[in-house]
Amino acid sequence: MKNFKFLLMGILATFLSQHTVLAQDWANLKMFQEANGSLEAPKENEDRVVFMGNSITIGWLNSRPEFFEGKPYVNRGISGQTTPQMLIRFRQDVVDLHPKVVIILAGTNDIAGNTGPSTLGMIMDNIKGMAEIAHANDIKVVLSSTLPAYDYPWKPGLEPAGKIVELNKMIKAYAEEKGHVYLDYFSQMADERNGLPKKYADDEVHPTVEGYKVMEPLVEEAIQKALKK
């Protein structure tokens, strides 16, 4: 019994320690602190682009590193992140890197409830916040549609497809109102369920190489549009 109490206390201490660490850096500001510090300032006439997002964004770099090689593209995706977390780290991971363009791809983890319940209005408020910070710092904004998802393997039954359709309408309307570029991945990738088919994502959420190959010419076109604004 005594040993069991010690074991229980050890497990509880470990849990509280891990919880405290997460609470202290909820937005994961440490993830790119070192990389940001070692990143040189943009060279003259360099069209630096920062990709801000979640696992879909960082997965792009991991799956298709050749797409980023030799280009002034900086990937700042963090797996599992929601828009409030991105908003907190936006100045550090975007503004302070002095890009000409930012690509914002976000929203699906909010709908999945990764950091708690979130309405579409709350998601839009955070996306608007990031766009406003970028605009105030002379950074061109590309607002990406949230990718299709029929269901989330890690949290099944939420029926996200319809919510994503509505969120994308809101993102597009805001982009048009403010003169930002709207990047429409959704219509090029969604199937008849408004989901992401297995030909583009094994788990129907995170793109495979084939999925990223669909996205790449679309983002390149959006970057060029933004640079001309």
C-alpha atoms as a PDB file:
ATOM      1  CA  MET A   1       0.000   0.000   0.000  1.00  0.00           C
ATOM      2  CA  LYS A   2       2.851   2.344   0.884  1.00  0.00           C
ATOM      3  CA  ASN A   3       4.582   1.658  -2.422  1.00  0.00           C
ATOM      4  CA  PHE A   4       1.345   2.297  -4.264  1.00  0.00           C
ATOM      5  CA  LYS A   5       1.020   5.716  -2.582  1.00  0.00           C
ATOM      6  CA  PHE A   6       4.573   6.628  -3.593  1.00  0.00           C
ATOM      7  CA  LEU A   7       3.844   5.521  -7.164  1.00  0.00           C
ATOM      8  CA  LEU A   8       0.641   7.566  -7.242  1.00  0.00           C
ATOM      9  CA  MET A   9       2.432  10.612  -5.888  1.00  0.00           C
ATOM     10  CA  GLY A  10       5.160  10.221  -8.510  1.00  0.00           C
ATOM     11  CA  ILE A  11       2.634  10.022 -11.341  1.00  0.00           C
ATOM     12  CA  LEU A  12       0.799  13.069  -9.997  1.00  0.00           C
ATOM     13  CA  ALA A  13       4.037  15.046  -9.685  1.00  0.00           C
ATOM     14  CA  THR A  14       5.009  14.172 -13.240  1.00  0.00           C
ATOM     15  CA  PHE A  15       1.590  15.210 -14.541  1.00  0.00           C
ATOM     16  CA  LEU A  16       1.651  18.520 -12.677  1.00  0.00           C
ATOM     17  CA  SER A  17       5.195  19.223 -13.867  1.00  0.00           C
ATOM     18  CA  GLN A  18       4.244  18.603 -17.508  1.00  0.00           C
ATOM     19  CA  HIS A  19       1.052  20.642 -17.115  1.00  0.00           C
ATOM     20  CA  THR A  20       3.024  23.543 -15.615  1.00  0.00           C
ATOM     21  CA  VAL A  21       5.503  23.535 -18.515  1.00  0.00           C
ATOM     22  CA  LEU A  22       2.669  23.598 -21.049  1.00  0.00           C
ATOM     23  CA  ALA A  23       0.909  26.362 -19.143  1.00  0.00           C
ATOM     24  CA  GLN A  24       4.074  28.451 -19.095  1.00  0.00           C
ATOM     25  CA  ASP A  25       4.538  28.208 -22.876  1.00  0.00           C
ATOM     26  CA  TRP A  26       1.018  27.537 -24.111  1.00  0.00           C
ATOM     27  CA  ALA A  27       1.713  29.016 -27.547  1.00  0.00           C
ATOM     28  CA  ASN A  28       5.037  27.141 -27.844  1.00  0.00           C
ATOM     29  CA  LEU A  29       7.097  30.284 -28.273  1.00  0.00           C
ATOM     30  CA  LYS A  30      10.225  28.268 -27.637  1.00  0.00           C
ATOM     31  CA  MET A  31       9.751  26.117 -30.729  1.00  0.00           C
ATOM     32  CA  PHE A  32      11.326  28.587 -33.166  1.00  0.00           C
ATOM     33  CA  GLN A  33      13.149  30.942 -30.790  1.00  0.00           C
ATOM     34  CA  GLU A  34      16.598  29.635 -31.678  1.00  0.00           C
ATOM     35  CA  ALA A  35      15.859  29.363 -35.398  1.00  0.00           C
ATOM     36  CA  ASN A  36      14.481  32.901 -35.457  1.00  0.00           C
ATOM     37  CA  GLY A  37      17.554  34.202 -33.668  1.00  0.00           C
ATOM     38  CA  SER A  38      19.908  32.642 -36.193  1.00  0.00           C
ATOM     39  CA  LEU A  39      17.887  33.694 -39.257  1.00  0.00           C
ATOM     40  CA  GLU A  40      19.619  36.509 -41.109  1.00  0.00           C
ATOM     41  CA  ALA A  41      17.750  39.644 -42.083  1.00  0.00           C
ATOM     42  CA  PRO A  42      16.285  39.548 -45.603  1.00  0.00           C
ATOM     43  CA  LYS A  43      18.721  40.496 -48.309  1.00  0.00           C
ATOM     44  CA  GLU A  44      18.007  43.434 -50.575  1.00  0.00           C
ATOM     45  CA  ASN A  45      15.189  42.598 -52.976  1.00  0.00           C
ATOM     46  CA  GLU A  46      14.521  39.293 -51.181  1.00  0.00           C
ATOM     47  CA  ASP A  47      10.844  38.326 -51.315  1.00  0.00           C
ATOM     48  CA  ARG A  48      10.748  36.501 -47.982  1.00  0.00           C
ATOM     49  CA  VAL A  49       7.563  34.560 -47.271  1.00  0.00           C
ATOM     50  CA  VAL A  50       6.591  33.110 -43.904  1.00  0.00           C
ATOM     51  CA  PHE A  51       4.220  30.137 -43.769  1.00  0.00           C
ATOM     52  CA  MET A  52       2.234  30.327 -40.518  1.00  0.00           C
ATOM     53  CA  GLY A  53       0.158  27.324 -39.544  1.00  0.00           C
ATOM     54  CA  ASN A  54      -0.188  23.972 -37.831  1.00  0.00           C
ATOM     55  CA  SER A  55       0.788  20.372 -38.670  1.00  0.00           C
ATOM     56  CA  ILE A  56      -0.376  20.790 -42.262  1.00  0.00           C
ATOM     57  CA  THR A  57       2.145  23.608 -42.684  1.00  0.00           C
ATOM     58  CA  ILE A  58       5.108  21.966 -40.943  1.00  0.00           C
ATOM     59  CA  GLY A  59       4.208  18.659 -42.582  1.00  0.00           C
ATOM     60  CA  TRP A  60       4.689  20.383 -45.921  1.00  0.00           C
ATOM     61  CA  LEU A  61       8.315  21.072 -45.070  1.00  0.00           C
ATOM     62  CA  ASN A  62       8.831  17.534 -43.799  1.00  0.00           C
ATOM     63  CA  SER A  63       7.168  15.832 -46.770  1.00  0.00           C
ATOM     64  CA  ARG A  64       8.294  18.163 -49.528  1.00  0.00           C
ATOM     65  CA  PRO A  65      11.526  19.873 -48.419  1.00  0.00           C
ATOM     66  CA  GLU A  66      12.462  20.365 -52.069  1.00  0.00           C
ATOM     67  CA  PHE A  67       9.577  22.816 -52.456  1.00  0.00           C
ATOM     68  CA  PHE A  68      11.197  25.129 -49.894  1.00  0.00           C
ATOM     69  CA  GLU A  69      14.825  24.653 -50.923  1.00  0.00           C
ATOM     70  CA  GLY A  70      16.499  27.598 -52.628  1.00  0.00           C
ATOM     71  CA  LYS A  71      13.523  29.880 -51.968  1.00  0.00           C
ATOM     72  CA  PRO A  72      13.126  32.674 -49.413  1.00  0.00           C
ATOM     73  CA  TYR A  73      10.403  30.642 -47.693  1.00  0.00           C
ATOM     74  CA  VAL A  74      10.334  30.288 -43.902  1.00  0.00           C
ATOM     75  CA  ASN A  75       8.095  27.588 -42.401  1.00  0.00           C
ATOM     76  CA  ARG A  76       6.648  28.325 -38.982  1.00  0.00           C
ATOM     77  CA  GLY A  77       4.017  25.617 -38.604  1.00  0.00           C
ATOM     78  CA  ILE A  78       3.513  23.893 -35.234  1.00  0.00           C
ATOM     79  CA  SER A  79       1.595  20.655 -35.027  1.00  0.00           C
ATOM     80  CA  GLY A  80      -1.744  20.775 -33.227  1.00  0.00           C
ATOM     81  CA  GLN A  81      -1.921  24.553 -32.942  1.00  0.00           C
ATOM     82  CA  THR A  82      -5.066  26.628 -32.940  1.00  0.00           C
ATOM     83  CA  THR A  83      -5.537  30.247 -34.013  1.00  0.00           C
ATOM     84  CA  PRO A  84      -5.209  31.798 -30.522  1.00  0.00           C
ATOM     85  CA  GLN A  85      -1.826  30.110 -30.133  1.00  0.00           C
ATOM     86  CA  MET A  86      -0.730  31.371 -33.544  1.00  0.00           C
ATOM     87  CA  LEU A  87      -1.914  34.875 -32.696  1.00  0.00           C
ATOM     88  CA  ILE A  88       0.245  34.907 -29.556  1.00  0.00           C
ATOM     89  CA  ARG A  89       3.386  33.896 -31.444  1.00  0.00           C
ATOM     90  CA  PHE A  90       2.636  35.877 -34.603  1.00  0.00           C
ATOM     91  CA  ARG A  91       4.928  38.804 -33.823  1.00  0.00           C
ATOM     92  CA  GLN A  92       7.851  36.577 -32.873  1.00  0.00           C
ATOM     93  CA  ASP A  93       7.444  34.015 -35.665  1.00  0.00           C
ATOM     94  CA  VAL A  94       6.284  36.322 -38.479  1.00  0.00           C
ATOM     95  CA  VAL A  95       6.656  40.075 -37.943  1.00  0.00           C
ATOM     96  CA  ASP A  96      10.153  39.946 -36.458  1.00  0.00           C
ATOM     97  CA  LEU A  97      11.374  37.942 -39.475  1.00  0.00           C
ATOM     98  CA  HIS A  98      10.514  40.869 -41.779  1.00  0.00           C
ATOM     99  CA  PRO A  99       8.822  38.977 -44.609  1.00  0.00           C
ATOM    100  CA  LYS A 100       7.092  40.619 -47.536  1.00  0.00           C
ATOM    101  CA  VAL A 101       4.280  38.055 -47.437  1.00  0.00           C
ATOM    102  CA  VAL A 102       2.687  35.809 -44.827  1.00  0.00           C
ATOM    103  CA  ILE A 103       0.657  32.706 -45.708  1.00  0.00           C
ATOM    104  CA  ILE A 104      -1.861  31.963 -42.948  1.00  0.00           C
ATOM    105  CA  LEU A 105      -3.364  28.460 -42.963  1.00  0.00           C
ATOM    106  CA  ALA A 106      -5.404  27.781 -39.837  1.00  0.00           C
ATOM    107  CA  GLY A 107      -8.731  26.870 -38.301  1.00  0.00           C
ATOM    108  CA  THR A 108      -9.127  23.116 -38.486  1.00  0.00           C
ATOM    109  CA  ASN A 109      -7.648  22.453 -35.035  1.00  0.00           C
ATOM    110  CA  ASP A 110      -9.973  25.078 -33.550  1.00  0.00           C
ATOM    111  CA  ILE A 111     -12.944  23.227 -35.022  1.00  0.00           C
ATOM    112  CA  ALA A 112     -11.501  20.006 -33.587  1.00  0.00           C
ATOM    113  CA  GLY A 113     -11.394  21.698 -30.172  1.00  0.00           C
ATOM    114  CA  ASN A 114      -7.681  21.138 -29.612  1.00  0.00           C
ATOM    115  CA  THR A 115      -7.467  23.968 -27.074  1.00  0.00           C
ATOM    116  CA  GLY A 116     -11.102  23.974 -26.023  1.00  0.00           C
ATOM    117  CA  PRO A 117     -14.438  24.911 -27.586  1.00  0.00           C
ATOM    118  CA  SER A 118     -14.274  27.562 -30.299  1.00  0.00           C
ATOM    119  CA  THR A 119     -16.933  29.190 -32.445  1.00  0.00           C
ATOM    120  CA  LEU A 120     -16.381  30.198 -36.062  1.00  0.00           C
ATOM    121  CA  GLY A 121     -16.573  33.823 -34.910  1.00  0.00           C
ATOM    122  CA  MET A 122     -13.761  33.245 -32.432  1.00  0.00           C
ATOM    123  CA  ILE A 123     -11.631  31.637 -35.133  1.00  0.00           C
ATOM    124  CA  MET A 124     -12.238  34.574 -37.455  1.00  0.00           C
ATOM    125  CA  ASP A 125     -11.359  37.070 -34.720  1.00  0.00           C
ATOM    126  CA  ASN A 126      -7.949  35.419 -34.359  1.00  0.00           C
ATOM    127  CA  ILE A 127      -7.378  35.254 -38.110  1.00  0.00           C
ATOM    128  CA  LYS A 128      -8.364  38.922 -38.384  1.00  0.00           C
ATOM    129  CA  GLY A 129      -5.961  39.727 -35.543  1.00  0.00           C
ATOM    130  CA  MET A 130      -3.063  38.111 -37.379  1.00  0.00           C
ATOM    131  CA  ALA A 131      -3.982  39.833 -40.634  1.00  0.00           C
ATOM    132  CA  GLU A 132      -4.236  43.221 -38.914  1.00  0.00           C
ATOM    133  CA  ILE A 133      -0.838  42.826 -37.249  1.00  0.00           C
ATOM    134  CA  ALA A 134       0.706  41.858 -40.591  1.00  0.00           C
ATOM    135  CA  HIS A 135      -0.909  44.768 -42.431  1.00  0.00           C
ATOM    136  CA  ALA A 136       0.238  47.224 -39.759  1.00  0.00           C
ATOM    137  CA  ASN A 137       3.790  46.036 -40.384  1.00  0.00           C
ATOM    138  CA  ASP A 138       3.623  46.311 -44.192  1.00  0.00           C
ATOM    139  CA  ILE A 139       3.399  42.540 -44.691  1.00  0.00           C
ATOM    140  CA  LYS A 140       1.164  41.334 -47.516  1.00  0.00           C
ATOM    141  CA  VAL A 141      -1.439  38.831 -46.326  1.00  0.00           C
ATOM    142  CA  VAL A 142      -2.521  35.590 -47.975  1.00  0.00           C
ATOM    143  CA  LEU A 143      -5.461  33.979 -46.178  1.00  0.00           C
ATOM    144  CA  SER A 144      -5.757  30.293 -47.022  1.00  0.00           C
ATOM    145  CA  SER A 145      -8.963  28.338 -47.013  1.00  0.00           C
ATOM    146  CA  THR A 146      -9.050  25.691 -44.325  1.00  0.00           C
ATOM    147  CA  LEU A 147      -8.457  22.298 -45.914  1.00  0.00           C
ATOM    148  CA  PRO A 148     -11.391  19.879 -46.217  1.00  0.00           C
ATOM    149  CA  ALA A 149     -11.975  17.372 -43.412  1.00  0.00           C
ATOM    150  CA  TYR A 150     -14.911  14.975 -43.197  1.00  0.00           C
ATOM    151  CA  ASP A 151     -13.865  13.704 -39.763  1.00  0.00           C
ATOM    152  CA  TYR A 152     -10.925  13.943 -37.352  1.00  0.00           C
ATOM    153  CA  PRO A 153      -9.244  10.609 -36.540  1.00  0.00           C
ATOM    154  CA  TRP A 154      -8.165  11.904 -33.116  1.00  0.00           C
ATOM    155  CA  LYS A 155     -11.643  13.225 -32.271  1.00  0.00           C
ATOM    156  CA  PRO A 156     -14.283  11.441 -34.403  1.00  0.00           C
ATOM    157  CA  GLY A 157     -17.905  12.454 -34.660  1.00  0.00           C
ATOM    158  CA  LEU A 158     -17.557  16.242 -34.707  1.00  0.00           C
ATOM    159  CA  GLU A 159     -18.806  16.513 -38.306  1.00  0.00           C
ATOM    160  CA  PRO A 160     -16.396  19.323 -39.251  1.00  0.00           C
ATOM    161  CA  ALA A 161     -17.090  19.408 -43.011  1.00  0.00           C
ATOM    162  CA  GLY A 162     -19.984  21.863 -42.892  1.00  0.00           C
ATOM    163  CA  LYS A 163     -18.236  24.106 -40.371  1.00  0.00           C
ATOM    164  CA  ILE A 164     -15.165  24.279 -42.593  1.00  0.00           C
ATOM    165  CA  VAL A 165     -17.316  25.299 -45.567  1.00  0.00           C
ATOM    166  CA  GLU A 166     -18.835  28.123 -43.513  1.00  0.00           C
ATOM    167  CA  LEU A 167     -15.473  29.209 -42.120  1.00  0.00           C
ATOM    168  CA  ASN A 168     -14.018  29.413 -45.610  1.00  0.00           C
ATOM    169  CA  LYS A 169     -16.893  31.650 -46.710  1.00  0.00           C
ATOM    170  CA  MET A 170     -16.045  33.954 -43.822  1.00  0.00           C
ATOM    171  CA  ILE A 171     -12.316  33.933 -44.611  1.00  0.00           C
ATOM    172  CA  LYS A 172     -12.967  34.700 -48.278  1.00  0.00           C
ATOM    173  CA  ALA A 173     -15.384  37.532 -47.482  1.00  0.00           C
ATOM    174  CA  TYR A 174     -12.923  39.110 -45.051  1.00  0.00           C
ATOM    175  CA  ALA A 175     -10.039  38.802 -47.523  1.00  0.00           C
ATOM    176  CA  GLU A 176     -12.083  40.489 -50.240  1.00  0.00           C
ATOM    177  CA  GLU A 177     -13.212  43.238 -47.855  1.00  0.00           C
ATOM    178  CA  LYS A 178      -9.658  44.057 -46.747  1.00  0.00           C
ATOM    179  CA  GLY A 179      -7.890  43.526 -50.056  1.00  0.00           C
ATOM    180  CA  HIS A 180      -5.952  40.451 -48.965  1.00  0.00           C
ATOM    181  CA  VAL A 181      -5.318  37.478 -51.236  1.00  0.00           C
ATOM    182  CA  TYR A 182      -7.655  34.528 -50.690  1.00  0.00           C
ATOM    183  CA  LEU A 183      -5.965  31.204 -51.381  1.00  0.00           C
ATOM    184  CA  ASP A 184      -8.559  28.549 -52.228  1.00  0.00           C
ATOM    185  CA  TYR A 185      -7.178  25.088 -51.563  1.00  0.00           C
ATOM    186  CA  PHE A 186     -10.594  23.760 -50.626  1.00  0.00           C
ATOM    187  CA  SER A 187     -12.313  23.727 -54.010  1.00  0.00           C
ATOM    188  CA  GLN A 188      -9.318  22.002 -55.606  1.00  0.00           C
ATOM    189  CA  MET A 189      -9.086  19.258 -52.997  1.00  0.00           C
ATOM    190  CA  ALA A 190     -12.550  18.528 -51.575  1.00  0.00           C
ATOM    191  CA  ASP A 191     -14.493  15.411 -52.573  1.00  0.00           C
ATOM    192  CA  GLU A 192     -18.268  14.923 -52.790  1.00  0.00           C
ATOM    193  CA  ARG A 193     -18.472  14.766 -48.957  1.00  0.00           C
ATOM    194  CA  ASN A 194     -16.599  18.074 -48.601  1.00  0.00           C
ATOM    195  CA  GLY A 195     -13.841  15.922 -47.149  1.00  0.00           C
ATOM    196  CA  LEU A 196     -10.217  15.380 -48.102  1.00  0.00           C
ATOM    197  CA  PRO A 197      -9.954  12.164 -50.165  1.00  0.00           C
ATOM    198  CA  LYS A 198      -7.345   9.505 -49.442  1.00  0.00           C
ATOM    199  CA  LYS A 199      -5.588  10.276 -52.710  1.00  0.00           C
ATOM    200  CA  TYR A 200      -4.510  13.526 -51.063  1.00  0.00           C
ATOM    201  CA  ALA A 201      -4.326  12.469 -47.389  1.00  0.00           C
ATOM    202  CA  ASP A 202      -4.042   8.980 -45.910  1.00  0.00           C
ATOM    203  CA  ASP A 203      -5.879  10.056 -42.756  1.00  0.00           C
ATOM    204  CA  GLU A 204      -8.108  12.471 -44.709  1.00  0.00           C
ATOM    205  CA  VAL A 205      -6.691  15.455 -42.790  1.00  0.00           C
ATOM    206  CA  HIS A 206      -2.923  15.724 -43.290  1.00  0.00           C
ATOM    207  CA  PRO A 207      -1.816  15.941 -46.933  1.00  0.00           C
ATOM    208  CA  THR A 208       0.478  13.400 -48.492  1.00  0.00           C
ATOM    209  CA  VAL A 209       3.071  14.345 -51.110  1.00  0.00           C
ATOM    210  CA  GLU A 210       0.296  14.190 -53.706  1.00  0.00           C
ATOM    211  CA  GLY A 211      -1.807  16.580 -51.654  1.00  0.00           C
ATOM    212  CA  TYR A 212       1.018  19.069 -51.298  1.00  0.00           C
ATOM    213  CA  LYS A 213       1.680  18.883 -55.028  1.00  0.00           C
ATOM    214  CA  VAL A 214      -1.865  20.201 -55.570  1.00  0.00           C
ATOM    215  CA  MET A 215      -1.272  23.015 -53.091  1.00  0.00           C
ATOM    216  CA  GLU A 216       2.109  24.174 -54.372  1.00  0.00           C
ATOM    217  CA  PRO A 217       1.128  25.895 -57.645  1.00  0.00           C
ATOM    218  CA  LEU A 218      -1.821  27.483 -55.857  1.00  0.00           C
ATOM    219  CA  VAL A 219       0.350  29.030 -53.145  1.00  0.00           C
ATOM    220  CA  GLU A 220       2.959  30.169 -55.667  1.00  0.00           C
ATOM    221  CA  GLU A 221       0.248  31.983 -57.628  1.00  0.00           C
ATOM    222  CA  ALA A 222      -1.084  33.554 -54.412  1.00  0.00           C
ATOM    223  CA  ILE A 223       2.392  34.759 -53.428  1.00  0.00           C
ATOM    224  CA  GLN A 224       2.863  36.457 -56.772  1.00  0.00           C
ATOM    225  CA  LYS A 225      -0.544  38.143 -56.457  1.00  0.00           C
ATOM    226  CA  ALA A 226       0.335  39.409 -52.994  1.00  0.00           C
ATOM    227  CA  LEU A 227       3.715  40.761 -54.060  1.00  0.00           C
ATOM    228  CA  LYS A 228       2.032  42.796 -56.804  1.00  0.00           C
ATOM    229  CA  LYS A 229      -0.427  44.449 -54.413  1.00  0.00           C
END
